[in-house]
Amino acid sequence: MRTSSRLRPLLRQLPFPLDDTDRLNHVYARWARSGALSDREIVDLWTYCFTWRYFLSKAARSSMRRPSDMDALIARSIRRTCRTRHDATAIVRYASWVSVVCRNTFVNYAKRSRALASIDDLRGFAVSEPAPTYNDAPRIRRVLLAAILRLPTYLQDTARLFFVDGCSFETIAASTGKSIPTVRTYKCRALNELRRDPDLRKISEGFAPPA
């Protein structure tokens, strides 16, 4: 795989295996105390390699909307790590800090993707040009939540958990106390109602200008 071969030579430059987080944490603590350039280079290299591998594994599971999203997520996570890690000098486990940044970055991405995918689902066909962007996601979410509040009361929890939070049928059933077949039925009814919602139709038909 192209990305694996790109990562491999970088891993060989690390003085210890990528999963040896104890040694990494030791180097980070030493760098935080002394500011040694050699330690910073190791920390930066490890951070890049770990972040790359994290999002590579997500991409391998088809968890990305577009192939190009992986590079953007890697860059975003590294920027956040570099911007905040000096505030974490008291944190002994730097490796865990990086892992949390990666996970939070991906969770935020997944929520935005879910909002966009919900519009695709509501339309029943691919979104027409211009395609929604991540900047549209907060607005889509607001319109979708408002439309859900206009549904019959008994459908609202299922619709919110499925279309907004991206929960599985099993999770929704456990949360609402309904059976999985009932949750599936409620989801289908909510979907049919939402497809007729005028505000959602405006978005799906080309994104009406903001009020």
Protein backbone atom coordinates (compact mmCIF):
# COMPACT_ATOMS: atom_id res chain seq x y z
CA MET A 1 0.00 0.00 0.00
CA ARG A 2 1.34 3.44 -0.90
CA THR A 3 0.76 4.98 2.51
CA SER A 4 2.35 2.01 4.33
CA SER A 5 5.51 2.21 2.24
CA ARG A 6 5.60 5.97 2.88
CA LEU A 7 5.44 5.40 6.63
CA ARG A 8 7.93 2.55 6.83
CA PRO A 9 11.16 4.57 6.29
CA LEU A 10 10.05 7.05 8.94
CA LEU A 11 9.51 4.26 11.45
CA ARG A 12 13.06 3.06 10.85
CA GLN A 13 14.34 6.46 11.99
CA LEU A 14 12.77 6.07 15.43
CA PRO A 15 15.27 4.83 18.06
CA PHE A 16 12.61 2.51 19.50
CA PRO A 17 9.45 0.73 18.28
CA LEU A 18 6.36 2.88 17.74
CA ASP A 19 4.45 0.97 20.41
CA ASP A 20 7.16 1.44 23.06
CA THR A 21 5.25 4.27 24.69
CA ASP A 22 7.22 4.09 27.92
CA ARG A 23 10.40 5.14 26.12
CA LEU A 24 8.54 7.81 24.21
CA ASN A 25 7.08 9.22 27.42
CA HIS A 26 10.57 9.29 28.93
CA VAL A 27 11.96 11.22 25.94
CA TYR A 28 9.03 13.65 26.07
CA ALA A 29 9.54 14.29 29.80
CA ARG A 30 13.24 14.84 29.23
CA TRP A 31 12.55 17.26 26.37
CA ALA A 32 10.00 19.14 28.52
CA ARG A 33 12.69 19.63 31.17
CA SER A 34 15.74 20.40 29.02
CA GLY A 35 14.38 21.54 25.64
CA ALA A 36 16.98 19.40 23.85
CA LEU A 37 16.54 19.57 20.07
CA SER A 38 17.39 15.89 19.61
CA ASP A 39 14.58 14.89 22.00
CA ARG A 40 12.12 17.20 20.25
CA GLU A 41 12.96 15.61 16.89
CA ILE A 42 12.21 12.17 18.31
CA VAL A 43 8.93 13.38 19.85
CA ASP A 44 7.87 15.05 16.59
CA LEU A 45 8.75 11.99 14.51
CA TRP A 46 6.91 9.64 16.85
CA THR A 47 3.88 11.93 16.89
CA TYR A 48 3.74 12.03 13.11
CA CYS A 49 4.15 8.26 12.74
CA PHE A 50 1.60 7.43 15.43
CA THR A 51 -0.96 9.88 14.01
CA TRP A 52 -0.43 8.56 10.49
CA ARG A 53 -0.90 4.95 11.61
CA TYR A 54 -4.03 5.85 13.59
CA PHE A 55 -5.81 7.42 10.63
CA LEU A 56 -4.45 4.84 8.21
CA SER A 57 -6.25 2.18 10.26
CA LYS A 58 -9.46 4.23 10.10
CA ALA A 59 -9.14 4.60 6.34
CA ALA A 60 -8.52 0.86 5.98
CA ARG A 61 -11.89 0.24 7.66
CA SER A 62 -13.59 2.52 5.10
CA SER A 63 -14.31 5.07 7.83
CA MET A 64 -13.53 8.06 5.59
CA ARG A 65 -15.99 9.82 3.29
CA ARG A 66 -13.21 10.65 0.81
CA PRO A 67 -9.64 9.28 0.41
CA SER A 68 -8.22 12.80 0.71
CA ASP A 69 -9.75 13.20 4.17
CA MET A 70 -7.00 11.12 5.75
CA ASP A 71 -4.25 13.64 4.98
CA ALA A 72 -6.41 16.48 6.28
CA LEU A 73 -7.15 14.62 9.53
CA ILE A 74 -3.47 13.81 10.05
CA ALA A 75 -2.50 17.45 9.59
CA ARG A 76 -5.32 18.65 11.87
CA SER A 77 -4.38 16.24 14.66
CA ILE A 78 -0.69 17.10 14.53
CA ARG A 79 -1.46 20.83 14.64
CA ARG A 80 -3.67 20.33 17.68
CA THR A 81 -1.05 18.18 19.40
CA CYS A 82 1.74 20.69 18.79
CA ARG A 83 -0.46 23.58 19.90
CA THR A 84 -1.50 21.97 23.19
CA ARG A 85 1.31 19.67 24.25
CA HIS A 86 3.19 22.42 26.09
CA ASP A 87 0.13 22.77 28.29
CA ALA A 88 0.52 19.10 29.11
CA THR A 89 4.08 19.13 30.43
CA ALA A 90 2.82 17.78 33.75
CA ILE A 91 1.23 14.82 31.98
CA VAL A 92 3.53 11.84 32.34
CA ARG A 93 1.96 9.82 29.54
CA TYR A 94 2.44 11.94 26.43
CA ALA A 95 1.57 8.99 24.18
CA SER A 96 -1.90 8.82 25.72
CA TRP A 97 -2.28 12.57 25.14
CA VAL A 98 -1.61 12.13 21.42
CA SER A 99 -4.02 9.21 21.25
CA VAL A 100 -6.78 11.33 22.81
CA VAL A 101 -6.17 14.14 20.30
CA CYS A 102 -6.41 11.67 17.40
CA ARG A 103 -9.55 10.09 18.76
CA ASN A 104 -11.28 13.42 19.40
CA THR A 105 -10.34 14.66 15.93
CA PHE A 106 -11.82 11.55 14.36
CA VAL A 107 -14.97 11.68 16.50
CA ASN A 108 -15.60 15.27 15.40
CA TYR A 109 -14.99 14.27 11.78
CA ALA A 110 -17.36 11.31 12.09
CA LYS A 111 -20.10 13.53 13.53
CA ARG A 112 -19.78 15.99 10.65
CA SER A 113 -19.74 13.13 8.17
CA ARG A 114 -22.85 11.66 9.76
CA ALA A 115 -24.68 14.98 9.37
CA LEU A 116 -23.79 15.11 5.67
CA ALA A 117 -24.62 11.43 5.14
CA SER A 118 -28.00 11.99 6.79
CA ILE A 119 -28.91 14.47 4.07
CA ASP A 120 -27.86 11.95 1.43
CA ASP A 121 -30.08 9.34 3.08
CA LEU A 122 -33.01 11.72 3.37
CA ARG A 123 -32.89 12.57 -0.28
CA GLY A 124 -32.73 8.99 -1.44
CA PHE A 125 -30.12 9.87 -4.07
CA ALA A 126 -26.74 11.57 -4.34
CA VAL A 127 -26.48 15.20 -3.33
CA SER A 128 -26.55 17.51 -6.35
CA GLU A 129 -23.94 20.16 -7.04
CA PRO A 130 -22.79 22.10 -5.21
CA ALA A 131 -21.93 19.26 -2.84
CA PRO A 132 -22.06 20.02 0.89
CA THR A 133 -18.78 20.85 2.59
CA TYR A 134 -17.71 20.51 6.22
CA ASN A 135 -18.52 24.20 6.68
CA ASP A 136 -22.14 23.32 5.90
CA ALA A 137 -22.30 20.63 8.59
CA PRO A 138 -23.31 22.85 11.57
CA ARG A 139 -26.16 24.35 9.54
CA ILE A 140 -27.29 20.92 8.33
CA ARG A 141 -27.28 19.70 11.91
CA ARG A 142 -29.42 22.65 13.08
CA VAL A 143 -31.95 22.19 10.29
CA LEU A 144 -32.07 18.43 10.87
CA LEU A 145 -32.61 18.82 14.62
CA ALA A 146 -35.39 21.34 14.01
CA ALA A 147 -37.05 18.96 11.54
CA ILE A 148 -36.82 16.10 14.05
CA LEU A 149 -38.62 18.24 16.64
CA ARG A 150 -41.51 18.54 14.17
CA LEU A 151 -41.89 14.76 13.99
CA PRO A 152 -44.50 12.90 16.04
CA THR A 153 -43.19 12.65 19.60
CA TYR A 154 -42.78 8.88 19.53
CA LEU A 155 -40.38 9.11 16.55
CA GLN A 156 -38.15 11.90 17.83
CA ASP A 157 -35.75 9.94 20.05
CA THR A 158 -35.13 7.29 17.41
CA ALA A 159 -34.63 9.91 14.68
CA ARG A 160 -32.20 11.96 16.76
CA LEU A 161 -30.16 8.96 17.86
CA PHE A 162 -29.97 7.54 14.34
CA PHE A 163 -29.65 10.58 12.07
CA VAL A 164 -27.81 12.99 14.37
CA ASP A 165 -25.81 10.83 16.78
CA GLY A 166 -25.19 7.98 14.34
CA CYS A 167 -26.16 5.26 16.83
CA SER A 168 -26.75 1.67 15.77
CA PHE A 169 -30.17 0.04 16.01
CA GLU A 170 -28.88 -2.01 18.94
CA THR A 171 -27.74 1.10 20.82
CA ILE A 172 -31.03 2.90 20.14
CA ALA A 173 -33.01 -0.09 21.33
CA ALA A 174 -31.03 -0.21 24.57
CA SER A 175 -31.40 3.56 25.06
CA THR A 176 -35.13 3.78 24.36
CA GLY A 177 -36.28 0.45 25.74
CA LYS A 178 -37.77 -0.52 22.37
CA SER A 179 -37.13 -3.72 20.47
CA ILE A 180 -34.77 -3.63 17.48
CA PRO A 181 -37.64 -4.33 14.99
CA THR A 182 -39.58 -1.44 16.51
CA VAL A 183 -36.56 0.85 16.23
CA ARG A 184 -36.18 -0.10 12.56
CA THR A 185 -39.85 0.67 11.94
CA TYR A 186 -39.60 4.03 13.72
CA LYS A 187 -36.48 4.92 11.74
CA CYS A 188 -38.28 4.20 8.44
CA ARG A 189 -41.32 6.24 9.48
CA ALA A 190 -39.12 9.13 10.59
CA LEU A 191 -37.20 8.97 7.32
CA ASN A 192 -40.39 9.19 5.28
CA GLU A 193 -41.55 12.18 7.33
CA LEU A 194 -38.18 13.97 7.13
CA ARG A 195 -38.00 13.56 3.37
CA ARG A 196 -41.14 15.69 3.16
CA ASP A 197 -39.87 18.39 5.52
CA PRO A 198 -39.68 21.67 3.55
CA ASP A 199 -36.52 22.97 5.23
CA LEU A 200 -34.63 19.75 4.61
CA ARG A 201 -35.83 19.72 1.02
CA LYS A 202 -34.39 23.21 0.52
CA ILE A 203 -31.00 21.98 1.68
CA SER A 204 -31.09 18.81 -0.41
CA GLU A 205 -32.15 20.72 -3.51
CA GLY A 206 -29.17 23.05 -3.53
CA PHE A 207 -28.74 24.67 -0.12
CA ALA A 208 -30.95 27.69 0.34
CA PRO A 209 -29.07 30.86 1.30
CA PRO A 210 -28.80 31.55 5.05
CA ALA A 211 -31.61 33.62 6.51
